[in-house]
Amino acid sequence: MYYVIKDSEKLPPSIIHEDNYFAWYNPMKKDHRVEFRGTMNQCYDFMSVRYQKTKPNTLM
């Protein structure tokens, strides 16, 4: 199981494994937000849809 974690408004979210999540974060604290939980591929799919970069408007 993998988690998409948002712990800062200035930095992009991170994908971390469940073991590392419980080693690095306390689930009872509100210093981070779990955006999504699933397999690694599901997490990458979630991030590609949720955090896709907008293309700048260009004049053609």
PDB file of N, CA and C in Angstrom:
ATOM      1  N   MET A   1       0.845  -1.169   0.000  1.00  0.00           N
ATOM      2  CA  MET A   1       0.000   0.000   0.000  1.00  0.00           C
ATOM      3  C   MET A   1       0.895   1.239   0.000  1.00  0.00           C
ATOM      4  N   TYR A   2       0.527   2.200  -0.797  1.00  0.00           N
ATOM      5  CA  TYR A   2       1.271   3.457  -0.912  1.00  0.00           C
ATOM      6  C   TYR A   2       0.342   4.621  -0.596  1.00  0.00           C
ATOM      7  N   TYR A   3       0.932   5.723  -0.162  1.00  0.00           N
ATOM      8  CA  TYR A   3       0.180   6.918   0.193  1.00  0.00           C
ATOM      9  C   TYR A   3       0.689   8.111  -0.601  1.00  0.00           C
ATOM     10  N   VAL A   4      -0.229   8.989  -0.986  1.00  0.00           N
ATOM     11  CA  VAL A   4       0.137  10.300  -1.530  1.00  0.00           C
ATOM     12  C   VAL A   4      -0.024  11.273  -0.372  1.00  0.00           C
ATOM     13  N   ILE A   5       1.086  11.860   0.061  1.00  0.00           N
ATOM     14  CA  ILE A   5       1.116  12.717   1.246  1.00  0.00           C
ATOM     15  C   ILE A   5       1.412  14.145   0.841  1.00  0.00           C
ATOM     16  N   LYS A   6       0.609  15.061   1.354  1.00  0.00           N
ATOM     17  CA  LYS A   6       0.839  16.501   1.159  1.00  0.00           C
ATOM     18  C   LYS A   6       1.169  17.067   2.533  1.00  0.00           C
ATOM     19  N   ASP A   7       2.436  17.472   2.724  1.00  0.00           N
ATOM     20  CA  ASP A   7       2.818  18.003   4.034  1.00  0.00           C
ATOM     21  C   ASP A   7       3.240  19.461   3.988  1.00  0.00           C
ATOM     22  N   SER A   8       3.182  20.063   2.808  1.00  0.00           N
ATOM     23  CA  SER A   8       3.528  21.470   2.673  1.00  0.00           C
ATOM     24  C   SER A   8       2.772  22.046   1.487  1.00  0.00           C
ATOM     25  N   GLU A   9       2.329  23.279   1.640  1.00  0.00           N
ATOM     26  CA  GLU A   9       1.628  23.927   0.529  1.00  0.00           C
ATOM     27  C   GLU A   9       2.593  24.350  -0.569  1.00  0.00           C
ATOM     28  N   LYS A  10       3.868  24.487  -0.239  1.00  0.00           N
ATOM     29  CA  LYS A  10       4.852  24.965  -1.207  1.00  0.00           C
ATOM     30  C   LYS A  10       5.510  23.835  -1.990  1.00  0.00           C
ATOM     31  N   LEU A  11       5.485  22.623  -1.449  1.00  0.00           N
ATOM     32  CA  LEU A  11       6.138  21.490  -2.096  1.00  0.00           C
ATOM     33  C   LEU A  11       5.100  20.560  -2.717  1.00  0.00           C
ATOM     34  N   PRO A  12       5.473  19.844  -3.761  1.00  0.00           N
ATOM     35  CA  PRO A  12       4.529  18.888  -4.348  1.00  0.00           C
ATOM     36  C   PRO A  12       4.320  17.692  -3.415  1.00  0.00           C
ATOM     37  N   PRO A  13       3.241  16.963  -3.590  1.00  0.00           N
ATOM     38  CA  PRO A  13       2.995  15.795  -2.735  1.00  0.00           C
ATOM     39  C   PRO A  13       4.012  14.688  -2.995  1.00  0.00           C
ATOM     40  N   SER A  14       4.118  13.782  -2.034  1.00  0.00           N
ATOM     41  CA  SER A  14       5.061  12.669  -2.121  1.00  0.00           C
ATOM     42  C   SER A  14       4.305  11.350  -2.141  1.00  0.00           C
ATOM     43  N   ILE A  15       4.870  10.368  -2.831  1.00  0.00           N
ATOM     44  CA  ILE A  15       4.344   9.002  -2.795  1.00  0.00           C
ATOM     45  C   ILE A  15       5.296   8.198  -1.925  1.00  0.00           C
ATOM     46  N   ILE A  16       4.766   7.642  -0.835  1.00  0.00           N
ATOM     47  CA  ILE A  16       5.622   6.857   0.053  1.00  0.00           C
ATOM     48  C   ILE A  16       4.941   5.534   0.387  1.00  0.00           C
ATOM     49  N   HIS A  17       5.758   4.544   0.715  1.00  0.00           N
ATOM     50  CA  HIS A  17       5.264   3.221   1.086  1.00  0.00           C
ATOM     51  C   HIS A  17       4.681   3.273   2.491  1.00  0.00           C
ATOM     52  N   GLU A  18       3.787   2.349   2.758  1.00  0.00           N
ATOM     53  CA  GLU A  18       3.096   2.304   4.042  1.00  0.00           C
ATOM     54  C   GLU A  18       4.069   2.211   5.218  1.00  0.00           C
ATOM     55  N   ASP A  19       5.122   1.404   5.089  1.00  0.00           N
ATOM     56  CA  ASP A  19       6.101   1.269   6.181  1.00  0.00           C
ATOM     57  C   ASP A  19       6.787   2.592   6.476  1.00  0.00           C
ATOM     58  N   ASN A  20       7.160   3.316   5.432  1.00  0.00           N
ATOM     59  CA  ASN A  20       7.805   4.613   5.625  1.00  0.00           C
ATOM     60  C   ASN A  20       6.828   5.648   6.159  1.00  0.00           C
ATOM     61  N   TYR A  21       5.574   5.555   5.762  1.00  0.00           N
ATOM     62  CA  TYR A  21       4.576   6.502   6.267  1.00  0.00           C
ATOM     63  C   TYR A  21       4.489   6.424   7.787  1.00  0.00           C
ATOM     64  N   PHE A  22       4.382   5.213   8.318  1.00  0.00           N
ATOM     65  CA  PHE A  22       4.250   5.070   9.766  1.00  0.00           C
ATOM     66  C   PHE A  22       5.563   5.347  10.491  1.00  0.00           C
ATOM     67  N   ALA A  23       6.694   5.239   9.796  1.00  0.00           N
ATOM     68  CA  ALA A  23       7.980   5.569  10.415  1.00  0.00           C
ATOM     69  C   ALA A  23       8.209   7.079  10.449  1.00  0.00           C
ATOM     70  N   TRP A  24       7.722   7.800   9.442  1.00  0.00           N
ATOM     71  CA  TRP A  24       8.015   9.231   9.312  1.00  0.00           C
ATOM     72  C   TRP A  24       6.903  10.137   9.829  1.00  0.00           C
ATOM     73  N   TYR A  25       5.665   9.668   9.812  1.00  0.00           N
ATOM     74  CA  TYR A  25       4.532  10.518  10.188  1.00  0.00           C
ATOM     75  C   TYR A  25       3.737   9.871  11.311  1.00  0.00           C
ATOM     76  N   ASN A  26       3.187  10.700  12.158  1.00  0.00           N
ATOM     77  CA  ASN A  26       2.260  10.243  13.180  1.00  0.00           C
ATOM     78  C   ASN A  26       0.852  10.459  12.630  1.00  0.00           C
ATOM     79  N   PRO A  27       0.084   9.386  12.392  1.00  0.00           N
ATOM     80  CA  PRO A  27      -1.250   9.548  11.809  1.00  0.00           C
ATOM     81  C   PRO A  27      -2.200  10.390  12.665  1.00  0.00           C
ATOM     82  N   MET A  28      -1.908  10.526  13.952  1.00  0.00           N
ATOM     83  CA  MET A  28      -2.787  11.294  14.830  1.00  0.00           C
ATOM     84  C   MET A  28      -2.513  12.794  14.761  1.00  0.00           C
ATOM     85  N   LYS A  29      -1.348  13.185  14.257  1.00  0.00           N
ATOM     86  CA  LYS A  29      -1.034  14.611  14.131  1.00  0.00           C
ATOM     87  C   LYS A  29      -1.634  15.164  12.851  1.00  0.00           C
ATOM     88  N   LYS A  30      -1.884  16.448  12.864  1.00  0.00           N
ATOM     89  CA  LYS A  30      -2.466  17.116  11.700  1.00  0.00           C
ATOM     90  C   LYS A  30      -1.417  17.913  10.929  1.00  0.00           C
ATOM     91  N   ASP A  31      -0.156  17.453  10.933  1.00  0.00           N
ATOM     92  CA  ASP A  31       0.911  18.174  10.233  1.00  0.00           C
ATOM     93  C   ASP A  31       1.059  17.737   8.777  1.00  0.00           C
ATOM     94  N   HIS A  32       0.179  16.863   8.320  1.00  0.00           N
ATOM     95  CA  HIS A  32       0.209  16.394   6.937  1.00  0.00           C
ATOM     96  C   HIS A  32      -1.211  15.976   6.533  1.00  0.00           C
ATOM     97  N   ARG A  33      -1.377  15.727   5.257  1.00  0.00           N
ATOM     98  CA  ARG A  33      -2.687  15.294   4.762  1.00  0.00           C
ATOM     99  C   ARG A  33      -2.481  14.117   3.810  1.00  0.00           C
ATOM    100  N   VAL A  34      -3.227  13.037   4.030  1.00  0.00           N
ATOM    101  CA  VAL A  34      -3.194  11.897   3.117  1.00  0.00           C
ATOM    102  C   VAL A  34      -4.173  12.206   1.992  1.00  0.00           C
ATOM    103  N   GLU A  35      -3.644  12.397   0.797  1.00  0.00           N
ATOM    104  CA  GLU A  35      -4.472  12.747  -0.361  1.00  0.00           C
ATOM    105  C   GLU A  35      -5.095  11.510  -0.999  1.00  0.00           C
ATOM    106  N   PHE A  36      -4.340  10.391  -0.997  1.00  0.00           N
ATOM    107  CA  PHE A  36      -4.804   9.188  -1.678  1.00  0.00           C
ATOM    108  C   PHE A  36      -4.064   7.991  -1.109  1.00  0.00           C
ATOM    109  N   ARG A  37      -4.711   6.817  -1.175  1.00  0.00           N
ATOM    110  CA  ARG A  37      -4.085   5.573  -0.732  1.00  0.00           C
ATOM    111  C   ARG A  37      -4.405   4.485  -1.740  1.00  0.00           C
ATOM    112  N   GLY A  38      -3.386   3.743  -2.175  1.00  0.00           N
ATOM    113  CA  GLY A  38      -3.595   2.673  -3.139  1.00  0.00           C
ATOM    114  C   GLY A  38      -2.275   2.059  -3.564  1.00  0.00           C
ATOM    115  N   THR A  39      -2.296   1.372  -4.712  1.00  0.00           N
ATOM    116  CA  THR A  39      -1.060   0.804  -5.239  1.00  0.00           C
ATOM    117  C   THR A  39      -0.200   1.932  -5.798  1.00  0.00           C
ATOM    118  N   MET A  40       1.044   1.619  -6.121  1.00  0.00           N
ATOM    119  CA  MET A  40       1.930   2.649  -6.654  1.00  0.00           C
ATOM    120  C   MET A  40       1.378   3.202  -7.971  1.00  0.00           C
ATOM    121  N   ASN A  41       0.890   2.324  -8.841  1.00  0.00           N
ATOM    122  CA  ASN A  41       0.335   2.785 -10.116  1.00  0.00           C
ATOM    123  C   ASN A  41      -0.895   3.659  -9.912  1.00  0.00           C
ATOM    124  N   GLN A  42      -1.748   3.308  -8.957  1.00  0.00           N
ATOM    125  CA  GLN A  42      -2.926   4.129  -8.667  1.00  0.00           C
ATOM    126  C   GLN A  42      -2.514   5.495  -8.135  1.00  0.00           C
ATOM    127  N   CYS A  43      -1.463   5.539  -7.319  1.00  0.00           N
ATOM    128  CA  CYS A  43      -0.979   6.815  -6.785  1.00  0.00           C
ATOM    129  C   CYS A  43      -0.434   7.698  -7.901  1.00  0.00           C
ATOM    130  N   TYR A  44       0.328   7.113  -8.827  1.00  0.00           N
ATOM    131  CA  TYR A  44       0.846   7.896  -9.953  1.00  0.00           C
ATOM    132  C   TYR A  44      -0.290   8.374 -10.851  1.00  0.00           C
ATOM    133  N   ASP A  45      -1.299   7.525 -11.071  1.00  0.00           N
ATOM    134  CA  ASP A  45      -2.461   7.944 -11.861  1.00  0.00           C
ATOM    135  C   ASP A  45      -3.190   9.098 -11.180  1.00  0.00           C
ATOM    136  N   PHE A  46      -3.363   9.005  -9.867  1.00  0.00           N
ATOM    137  CA  PHE A  46      -4.020  10.069  -9.109  1.00  0.00           C
ATOM    138  C   PHE A  46      -3.260  11.380  -9.243  1.00  0.00           C
ATOM    139  N   MET A  47      -1.934  11.314  -9.099  1.00  0.00           N
ATOM    140  CA  MET A  47      -1.139  12.539  -9.186  1.00  0.00           C
ATOM    141  C   MET A  47      -1.140  13.115 -10.594  1.00  0.00           C
ATOM    142  N   SER A  48      -1.160  12.260 -11.607  1.00  0.00           N
ATOM    143  CA  SER A  48      -1.149  12.776 -12.979  1.00  0.00           C
ATOM    144  C   SER A  48      -2.453  13.489 -13.307  1.00  0.00           C
ATOM    145  N   VAL A  49      -3.549  13.057 -12.713  1.00  0.00           N
ATOM    146  CA  VAL A  49      -4.835  13.718 -12.951  1.00  0.00           C
ATOM    147  C   VAL A  49      -4.994  14.934 -12.045  1.00  0.00           C
ATOM    148  N   ARG A  50      -4.677  14.780 -10.774  1.00  0.00           N
ATOM    149  CA  ARG A  50      -4.930  15.837  -9.786  1.00  0.00           C
ATOM    150  C   ARG A  50      -3.933  16.986  -9.887  1.00  0.00           C
ATOM    151  N   TYR A  51      -2.691  16.681 -10.196  1.00  0.00           N
ATOM    152  CA  TYR A  51      -1.643  17.695 -10.182  1.00  0.00           C
ATOM    153  C   TYR A  51      -1.019  17.900 -11.555  1.00  0.00           C
ATOM    154  N   GLN A  52      -1.811  17.805 -12.602  1.00  0.00           N
ATOM    155  CA  GLN A  52      -1.243  18.022 -13.927  1.00  0.00           C
ATOM    156  C   GLN A  52      -0.932  19.492 -14.111  1.00  0.00           C
ATOM    157  N   LYS A  53       0.192  19.744 -14.744  1.00  0.00           N
ATOM    158  CA  LYS A  53       0.616  21.125 -14.970  1.00  0.00           C
ATOM    159  C   LYS A  53      -0.185  21.704 -16.116  1.00  0.00           C
ATOM    160  N   THR A  54      -0.613  22.920 -15.929  1.00  0.00           N
ATOM    161  CA  THR A  54      -1.361  23.572 -16.993  1.00  0.00           C
ATOM    162  C   THR A  54      -0.395  24.109 -18.031  1.00  0.00           C
ATOM    163  N   LYS A  55      -0.772  23.971 -19.265  1.00  0.00           N
ATOM    164  CA  LYS A  55       0.067  24.465 -20.353  1.00  0.00           C
ATOM    165  C   LYS A  55      -0.165  25.961 -20.511  1.00  0.00           C
ATOM    166  N   PRO A  56       0.888  26.719 -20.703  1.00  0.00           N
ATOM    167  CA  PRO A  56       0.712  28.164 -20.882  1.00  0.00           C
ATOM    168  C   PRO A  56      -0.006  28.452 -22.199  1.00  0.00           C
ATOM    169  N   ASN A  57      -0.783  29.501 -22.189  1.00  0.00           N
ATOM    170  CA  ASN A  57      -1.478  29.904 -23.411  1.00  0.00           C
ATOM    171  C   ASN A  57      -0.468  30.462 -24.399  1.00  0.00           C
ATOM    172  N   THR A  58      -0.528  29.968 -25.601  1.00  0.00           N
ATOM    173  CA  THR A  58       0.375  30.461 -26.636  1.00  0.00           C
ATOM    174  C   THR A  58      -0.447  30.979 -27.797  1.00  0.00           C
ATOM    175  N   LEU A  59       0.079  31.968 -28.446  1.00  0.00           N
ATOM    176  CA  LEU A  59      -0.592  32.508 -29.624  1.00  0.00           C
ATOM    177  C   LEU A  59      -0.103  31.757 -30.844  1.00  0.00           C
ATOM    178  N   MET A  60      -1.028  31.255 -31.620  1.00  0.00           N
ATOM    179  CA  MET A  60      -0.650  30.522 -32.828  1.00  0.00           C
ATOM    180  C   MET A  60      -1.189  31.230 -34.029  1.00  0.00           C
TER     181      MET A  60
END
